[in-house]
Amino acid sequence: MLVLVAVLFFGAAEFCSGRNTSFSCIEKEREALLKFKLCFHDPSHMLSSWKGNDCCEWRGVGCDKNNGYVISIQLRGSVFANQQRQLSLIDDVKEVGSSLLKLRYLEHLDLSNNNFNGNLIPPSFGLMKQLRYLNLSYTQFRGNIPGELGNLTRLHVLDLSSYYYGGLKVDDDIKWTCLSSLQQLDMSGVNLNHASSNLFQIASGNFLS
């Protein structure tokens, strides 16, 4: 009887402490993050904590405490001389997109101030339909912004600002009117010469920065 009472007591203590309501990360998602890691040169060791079994404990990774799914990746780089830290792409940028696609519940993605070496933004970024926040500012992406980003109907924040005017370009393929949840948009430095009127309609009707 005493043993049973003790078991119940410690079980209740663990429940109240929240340990029973937290999950370790999903194994398939851990593998996807490790594949993502292999795409980059990491001289400042931004991803040095990305090892071991529980990816929810890795720096920059946030998980849903109720089920363990990865819902946030925050890997903002820095180019300041006294605090320079930056990931630099060494693999095919398509591998970055395909790895992130396996994080089916990802809501927040910040890859700003990292170096993607003039590659195109992967169209697969537009297939991450749970995204509410997407920051690809100052990442040295070049070329046309993929029309697939128009699929991100839950997106609240989109930052595509660039150091180099015209490095990124907008064409008419993006279904801007589908981005009805947008609350903040930054396209500083983006070439808008070929943007459709839908972009400016959303800009004047919603918010924008």
C-alpha atoms as a PDB file:
ATOM      1  CA  MET A   1       0.000   0.000   0.000  1.00  0.00           C
ATOM      2  CA  LEU A   2       2.839   2.380   0.909  1.00  0.00           C
ATOM      3  CA  VAL A   3       4.593   1.561  -2.357  1.00  0.00           C
ATOM      4  CA  LEU A   4       1.417   2.336  -4.317  1.00  0.00           C
ATOM      5  CA  VAL A   5       0.994   5.666  -2.516  1.00  0.00           C
ATOM      6  CA  ALA A   6       4.621   6.568  -3.259  1.00  0.00           C
ATOM      7  CA  VAL A   7       4.222   5.727  -6.946  1.00  0.00           C
ATOM      8  CA  LEU A   8       1.078   7.836  -7.157  1.00  0.00           C
ATOM      9  CA  PHE A   9       2.765  10.730  -5.342  1.00  0.00           C
ATOM     10  CA  PHE A  10       5.807  10.835  -7.600  1.00  0.00           C
ATOM     11  CA  GLY A  11       3.649  10.367 -10.673  1.00  0.00           C
ATOM     12  CA  ALA A  12       1.535  13.347  -9.671  1.00  0.00           C
ATOM     13  CA  ALA A  13       4.653  15.405  -8.972  1.00  0.00           C
ATOM     14  CA  GLU A  14       5.994  14.668 -12.433  1.00  0.00           C
ATOM     15  CA  PHE A  15       2.646  15.569 -14.004  1.00  0.00           C
ATOM     16  CA  CYS A  16       2.485  18.890 -12.138  1.00  0.00           C
ATOM     17  CA  SER A  17       6.057  19.718 -13.075  1.00  0.00           C
ATOM     18  CA  GLY A  18       5.113  19.370 -16.738  1.00  0.00           C
ATOM     19  CA  ARG A  19       7.557  16.607 -17.558  1.00  0.00           C
ATOM     20  CA  ASN A  20       4.782  14.270 -18.708  1.00  0.00           C
ATOM     21  CA  THR A  21       3.383  16.939 -21.044  1.00  0.00           C
ATOM     22  CA  SER A  22       6.651  17.456 -22.955  1.00  0.00           C
ATOM     23  CA  PHE A  23       7.860  15.221 -25.743  1.00  0.00           C
ATOM     24  CA  SER A  24      11.263  14.676 -27.286  1.00  0.00           C
ATOM     25  CA  CYS A  25      11.551  15.544 -30.944  1.00  0.00           C
ATOM     26  CA  ILE A  26      10.236  13.300 -33.691  1.00  0.00           C
ATOM     27  CA  GLU A  27      12.985  11.064 -35.108  1.00  0.00           C
ATOM     28  CA  LYS A  28      12.157  11.810 -38.761  1.00  0.00           C
ATOM     29  CA  GLU A  29      12.356  15.519 -38.023  1.00  0.00           C
ATOM     30  CA  ARG A  30      15.682  15.107 -36.234  1.00  0.00           C
ATOM     31  CA  GLU A  31      17.041  13.369 -39.338  1.00  0.00           C
ATOM     32  CA  ALA A  32      15.703  16.165 -41.545  1.00  0.00           C
ATOM     33  CA  LEU A  33      17.440  18.792 -39.414  1.00  0.00           C
ATOM     34  CA  LEU A  34      20.723  16.901 -39.612  1.00  0.00           C
ATOM     35  CA  LYS A  35      20.437  16.831 -43.416  1.00  0.00           C
ATOM     36  CA  PHE A  36      19.732  20.571 -43.321  1.00  0.00           C
ATOM     37  CA  LYS A  37      22.864  21.066 -41.200  1.00  0.00           C
ATOM     38  CA  LEU A  38      25.022  19.247 -43.764  1.00  0.00           C
ATOM     39  CA  CYS A  39      24.076  21.834 -46.402  1.00  0.00           C
ATOM     40  CA  PHE A  40      26.126  24.552 -44.703  1.00  0.00           C
ATOM     41  CA  HIS A  41      29.627  25.592 -43.806  1.00  0.00           C
ATOM     42  CA  ASP A  42      29.413  26.761 -40.196  1.00  0.00           C
ATOM     43  CA  PRO A  43      32.657  28.518 -39.179  1.00  0.00           C
ATOM     44  CA  SER A  44      31.040  30.299 -36.225  1.00  0.00           C
ATOM     45  CA  HIS A  45      29.516  27.078 -34.845  1.00  0.00           C
ATOM     46  CA  MET A  46      25.916  28.259 -34.965  1.00  0.00           C
ATOM     47  CA  LEU A  47      24.837  24.620 -35.248  1.00  0.00           C
ATOM     48  CA  SER A  48      27.310  23.166 -32.761  1.00  0.00           C
ATOM     49  CA  SER A  49      24.488  22.058 -30.450  1.00  0.00           C
ATOM     50  CA  TRP A  50      22.810  20.108 -33.265  1.00  0.00           C
ATOM     51  CA  LYS A  51      23.767  16.660 -32.059  1.00  0.00           C
ATOM     52  CA  GLY A  52      22.287  14.032 -29.800  1.00  0.00           C
ATOM     53  CA  ASN A  53      18.822  12.544 -29.799  1.00  0.00           C
ATOM     54  CA  ASP A  54      16.591  15.401 -28.697  1.00  0.00           C
ATOM     55  CA  CYS A  55      16.495  18.069 -31.401  1.00  0.00           C
ATOM     56  CA  CYS A  56      14.075  20.092 -29.276  1.00  0.00           C
ATOM     57  CA  GLU A  57      17.088  20.963 -27.117  1.00  0.00           C
ATOM     58  CA  TRP A  58      19.146  22.246 -30.057  1.00  0.00           C
ATOM     59  CA  ARG A  59      19.882  25.954 -30.283  1.00  0.00           C
ATOM     60  CA  GLY A  60      17.504  27.721 -32.650  1.00  0.00           C
ATOM     61  CA  VAL A  61      14.975  24.876 -32.739  1.00  0.00           C
ATOM     62  CA  GLY A  62      11.587  25.209 -31.086  1.00  0.00           C
ATOM     63  CA  CYS A  63       9.144  22.332 -30.600  1.00  0.00           C
ATOM     64  CA  ASP A  64       5.495  22.069 -29.677  1.00  0.00           C
ATOM     65  CA  LYS A  65       5.533  21.004 -26.024  1.00  0.00           C
ATOM     66  CA  ASN A  66       2.451  18.873 -26.484  1.00  0.00           C
ATOM     67  CA  ASN A  67       3.632  16.630 -29.298  1.00  0.00           C
ATOM     68  CA  GLY A  68       7.330  17.275 -30.021  1.00  0.00           C
ATOM     69  CA  TYR A  69       6.911  18.535 -33.578  1.00  0.00           C
ATOM     70  CA  VAL A  70       9.340  21.235 -34.703  1.00  0.00           C
ATOM     71  CA  ILE A  71       7.421  24.495 -35.124  1.00  0.00           C
ATOM     72  CA  SER A  72      10.228  27.066 -35.145  1.00  0.00           C
ATOM     73  CA  ILE A  73      13.714  27.474 -36.614  1.00  0.00           C
ATOM     74  CA  GLN A  74      15.506  30.695 -35.698  1.00  0.00           C
ATOM     75  CA  LEU A  75      18.972  30.878 -37.242  1.00  0.00           C
ATOM     76  CA  ARG A  76      19.443  34.606 -37.713  1.00  0.00           C
ATOM     77  CA  GLY A  77      23.038  35.317 -38.694  1.00  0.00           C
ATOM     78  CA  SER A  78      25.076  38.438 -38.011  1.00  0.00           C
ATOM     79  CA  VAL A  79      27.519  40.257 -40.287  1.00  0.00           C
ATOM     80  CA  PHE A  80      28.777  42.777 -37.743  1.00  0.00           C
ATOM     81  CA  ALA A  81      32.562  42.703 -37.488  1.00  0.00           C
ATOM     82  CA  ASN A  82      32.592  42.281 -33.710  1.00  0.00           C
ATOM     83  CA  GLN A  83      29.957  39.538 -33.731  1.00  0.00           C
ATOM     84  CA  GLN A  84      30.117  37.852 -37.109  1.00  0.00           C
ATOM     85  CA  ARG A  85      28.300  34.547 -37.355  1.00  0.00           C
ATOM     86  CA  GLN A  86      26.878  33.178 -40.518  1.00  0.00           C
ATOM     87  CA  LEU A  87      25.955  29.945 -42.243  1.00  0.00           C
ATOM     88  CA  SER A  88      27.238  29.601 -45.801  1.00  0.00           C
ATOM     89  CA  LEU A  89      25.606  27.251 -48.282  1.00  0.00           C
ATOM     90  CA  ILE A  90      27.880  24.483 -49.573  1.00  0.00           C
ATOM     91  CA  ASP A  91      25.281  22.064 -50.940  1.00  0.00           C
ATOM     92  CA  ASP A  92      22.491  22.298 -53.489  1.00  0.00           C
ATOM     93  CA  VAL A  93      19.911  24.774 -52.177  1.00  0.00           C
ATOM     94  CA  LYS A  94      17.217  22.264 -53.192  1.00  0.00           C
ATOM     95  CA  GLU A  95      18.441  20.038 -50.370  1.00  0.00           C
ATOM     96  CA  VAL A  96      17.697  22.848 -47.922  1.00  0.00           C
ATOM     97  CA  GLY A  97      14.124  23.039 -49.182  1.00  0.00           C
ATOM     98  CA  SER A  98      13.563  19.293 -49.235  1.00  0.00           C
ATOM     99  CA  SER A  99      14.867  18.951 -45.666  1.00  0.00           C
ATOM    100  CA  LEU A 100      12.617  21.712 -44.357  1.00  0.00           C
ATOM    101  CA  LEU A 101       9.594  20.232 -46.119  1.00  0.00           C
ATOM    102  CA  LYS A 102       9.806  17.259 -43.773  1.00  0.00           C
ATOM    103  CA  LEU A 103       9.017  19.601 -40.871  1.00  0.00           C
ATOM    104  CA  ARG A 104       5.292  19.486 -41.554  1.00  0.00           C
ATOM    105  CA  TYR A 105       4.261  21.719 -38.660  1.00  0.00           C
ATOM    106  CA  LEU A 106       6.876  24.454 -39.092  1.00  0.00           C
ATOM    107  CA  GLU A 107       5.347  27.877 -38.408  1.00  0.00           C
ATOM    108  CA  HIS A 108       8.363  30.159 -37.933  1.00  0.00           C
ATOM    109  CA  LEU A 109      11.449  30.191 -40.188  1.00  0.00           C
ATOM    110  CA  ASP A 110      14.203  32.790 -39.838  1.00  0.00           C
ATOM    111  CA  LEU A 111      17.309  32.293 -41.998  1.00  0.00           C
ATOM    112  CA  SER A 112      18.164  35.984 -42.274  1.00  0.00           C
ATOM    113  CA  ASN A 113      21.740  37.247 -42.668  1.00  0.00           C
ATOM    114  CA  ASN A 114      23.086  33.892 -43.836  1.00  0.00           C
ATOM    115  CA  ASN A 115      24.825  33.339 -47.162  1.00  0.00           C
ATOM    116  CA  PHE A 116      23.007  31.437 -49.912  1.00  0.00           C
ATOM    117  CA  ASN A 117      25.619  32.394 -52.514  1.00  0.00           C
ATOM    118  CA  GLY A 118      23.351  33.908 -55.147  1.00  0.00           C
ATOM    119  CA  ASN A 119      21.042  30.896 -55.493  1.00  0.00           C
ATOM    120  CA  LEU A 120      17.353  31.105 -56.290  1.00  0.00           C
ATOM    121  CA  ILE A 121      14.886  30.837 -53.418  1.00  0.00           C
ATOM    122  CA  PRO A 122      13.729  27.192 -53.563  1.00  0.00           C
ATOM    123  CA  PRO A 123      10.109  26.919 -54.816  1.00  0.00           C
ATOM    124  CA  SER A 124       9.614  24.267 -52.129  1.00  0.00           C
ATOM    125  CA  PHE A 125       9.561  27.073 -49.523  1.00  0.00           C
ATOM    126  CA  GLY A 126       6.088  27.796 -50.860  1.00  0.00           C
ATOM    127  CA  LEU A 127       4.925  24.311 -49.895  1.00  0.00           C
ATOM    128  CA  MET A 128       5.426  24.855 -46.166  1.00  0.00           C
ATOM    129  CA  LYS A 129       1.818  25.863 -45.738  1.00  0.00           C
ATOM    130  CA  GLN A 130       1.853  26.111 -41.945  1.00  0.00           C
ATOM    131  CA  LEU A 131       4.305  29.017 -42.050  1.00  0.00           C
ATOM    132  CA  ARG A 132       3.205  32.193 -40.332  1.00  0.00           C
ATOM    133  CA  TYR A 133       6.620  33.884 -40.295  1.00  0.00           C
ATOM    134  CA  LEU A 134       9.249  33.734 -43.051  1.00  0.00           C
ATOM    135  CA  ASN A 135      12.400  35.858 -42.916  1.00  0.00           C
ATOM    136  CA  LEU A 136      14.883  35.479 -45.785  1.00  0.00           C
ATOM    137  CA  SER A 137      16.290  39.000 -45.556  1.00  0.00           C
ATOM    138  CA  TYR A 138      19.925  39.679 -46.489  1.00  0.00           C
ATOM    139  CA  THR A 139      20.567  36.069 -47.455  1.00  0.00           C
ATOM    140  CA  GLN A 140      22.119  36.750 -50.892  1.00  0.00           C
ATOM    141  CA  PHE A 141      19.374  34.924 -52.709  1.00  0.00           C
ATOM    142  CA  ARG A 142      19.139  36.138 -56.314  1.00  0.00           C
ATOM    143  CA  GLY A 143      16.734  35.935 -59.256  1.00  0.00           C
ATOM    144  CA  ASN A 144      12.944  35.798 -59.426  1.00  0.00           C
ATOM    145  CA  ILE A 145      11.010  35.265 -56.232  1.00  0.00           C
ATOM    146  CA  PRO A 146       9.193  31.945 -56.773  1.00  0.00           C
ATOM    147  CA  GLY A 147       5.481  32.174 -57.425  1.00  0.00           C
ATOM    148  CA  GLU A 148       4.952  29.285 -55.027  1.00  0.00           C
ATOM    149  CA  LEU A 149       5.267  31.721 -52.105  1.00  0.00           C
ATOM    150  CA  GLY A 150       1.715  32.728 -52.978  1.00  0.00           C
ATOM    151  CA  ASN A 151       0.619  29.388 -51.475  1.00  0.00           C
ATOM    152  CA  LEU A 152       1.542  30.533 -47.956  1.00  0.00           C
ATOM    153  CA  THR A 153      -1.955  31.657 -47.063  1.00  0.00           C
ATOM    154  CA  ARG A 154      -1.301  31.599 -43.298  1.00  0.00           C
ATOM    155  CA  LEU A 155       1.716  33.885 -43.535  1.00  0.00           C
ATOM    156  CA  HIS A 156       1.638  36.920 -41.228  1.00  0.00           C
ATOM    157  CA  VAL A 157       5.197  38.185 -41.795  1.00  0.00           C
ATOM    158  CA  LEU A 158       7.296  37.997 -44.968  1.00  0.00           C
ATOM    159  CA  ASP A 159      10.730  39.655 -45.121  1.00  0.00           C
ATOM    160  CA  LEU A 160      12.653  39.414 -48.398  1.00  0.00           C
ATOM    161  CA  SER A 161      14.704  42.593 -48.058  1.00  0.00           C
ATOM    162  CA  SER A 162      18.129  42.660 -49.693  1.00  0.00           C
ATOM    163  CA  TYR A 163      21.403  44.588 -49.509  1.00  0.00           C
ATOM    164  CA  TYR A 164      21.721  44.622 -53.279  1.00  0.00           C
ATOM    165  CA  TYR A 165      19.003  46.362 -55.244  1.00  0.00           C
ATOM    166  CA  GLY A 166      17.656  44.094 -57.957  1.00  0.00           C
ATOM    167  CA  GLY A 167      19.268  40.944 -56.646  1.00  0.00           C
ATOM    168  CA  LEU A 168      15.775  39.621 -56.066  1.00  0.00           C
ATOM    169  CA  LYS A 169      13.028  40.332 -58.592  1.00  0.00           C
ATOM    170  CA  VAL A 170       9.253  40.063 -58.565  1.00  0.00           C
ATOM    171  CA  ASP A 171       7.361  38.835 -61.597  1.00  0.00           C
ATOM    172  CA  ASP A 172       3.655  38.257 -62.189  1.00  0.00           C
ATOM    173  CA  ASP A 173       3.655  34.611 -61.142  1.00  0.00           C
ATOM    174  CA  ILE A 174       3.060  35.253 -57.452  1.00  0.00           C
ATOM    175  CA  LYS A 175      -0.584  35.107 -56.395  1.00  0.00           C
ATOM    176  CA  TRP A 176      -0.281  38.006 -53.978  1.00  0.00           C
ATOM    177  CA  THR A 177      -4.023  38.145 -53.376  1.00  0.00           C
ATOM    178  CA  CYS A 178      -3.806  34.702 -51.756  1.00  0.00           C
ATOM    179  CA  LEU A 179      -1.584  36.151 -49.017  1.00  0.00           C
ATOM    180  CA  SER A 180      -4.589  37.629 -47.270  1.00  0.00           C
ATOM    181  CA  SER A 181      -3.213  36.987 -43.759  1.00  0.00           C
ATOM    182  CA  LEU A 182      -0.121  39.164 -44.259  1.00  0.00           C
ATOM    183  CA  GLN A 183       0.395  41.813 -41.604  1.00  0.00           C
ATOM    184  CA  GLN A 184       3.982  42.781 -42.397  1.00  0.00           C
ATOM    185  CA  LEU A 185       5.914  42.723 -45.667  1.00  0.00           C
ATOM    186  CA  ASP A 186       9.431  44.048 -46.270  1.00  0.00           C
ATOM    187  CA  MET A 187      10.830  43.994 -49.806  1.00  0.00           C
ATOM    188  CA  SER A 188      13.479  46.674 -49.446  1.00  0.00           C
ATOM    189  CA  GLY A 189      15.990  46.349 -52.277  1.00  0.00           C
ATOM    190  CA  VAL A 190      13.778  44.025 -54.326  1.00  0.00           C
ATOM    191  CA  ASN A 191      13.226  44.927 -57.996  1.00  0.00           C
ATOM    192  CA  LEU A 192       9.486  45.555 -58.357  1.00  0.00           C
ATOM    193  CA  ASN A 193       9.528  46.735 -61.987  1.00  0.00           C
ATOM    194  CA  HIS A 194       7.574  43.704 -63.171  1.00  0.00           C
ATOM    195  CA  ALA A 195       5.354  43.262 -60.130  1.00  0.00           C
ATOM    196  CA  SER A 196       1.646  42.839 -60.799  1.00  0.00           C
ATOM    197  CA  SER A 197      -0.918  45.324 -59.556  1.00  0.00           C
ATOM    198  CA  ASN A 198      -2.025  42.680 -57.034  1.00  0.00           C
ATOM    199  CA  LEU A 199       1.063  43.352 -54.933  1.00  0.00           C
ATOM    200  CA  PHE A 200       0.327  47.052 -54.684  1.00  0.00           C
ATOM    201  CA  GLN A 201      -3.334  46.315 -54.036  1.00  0.00           C
ATOM    202  CA  ILE A 202      -2.415  44.191 -51.041  1.00  0.00           C
ATOM    203  CA  ALA A 203       0.138  46.781 -49.909  1.00  0.00           C
ATOM    204  CA  SER A 204      -2.349  49.628 -49.924  1.00  0.00           C
ATOM    205  CA  GLY A 205      -5.174  47.549 -48.488  1.00  0.00           C
ATOM    206  CA  ASN A 206      -3.421  45.823 -45.617  1.00  0.00           C
ATOM    207  CA  PHE A 207      -0.448  47.451 -43.975  1.00  0.00           C
ATOM    208  CA  LEU A 208       2.756  47.526 -45.259  1.00  0.00           C
ATOM    209  CA  SER A 209       6.383  48.295 -44.343  1.00  0.00           C
END
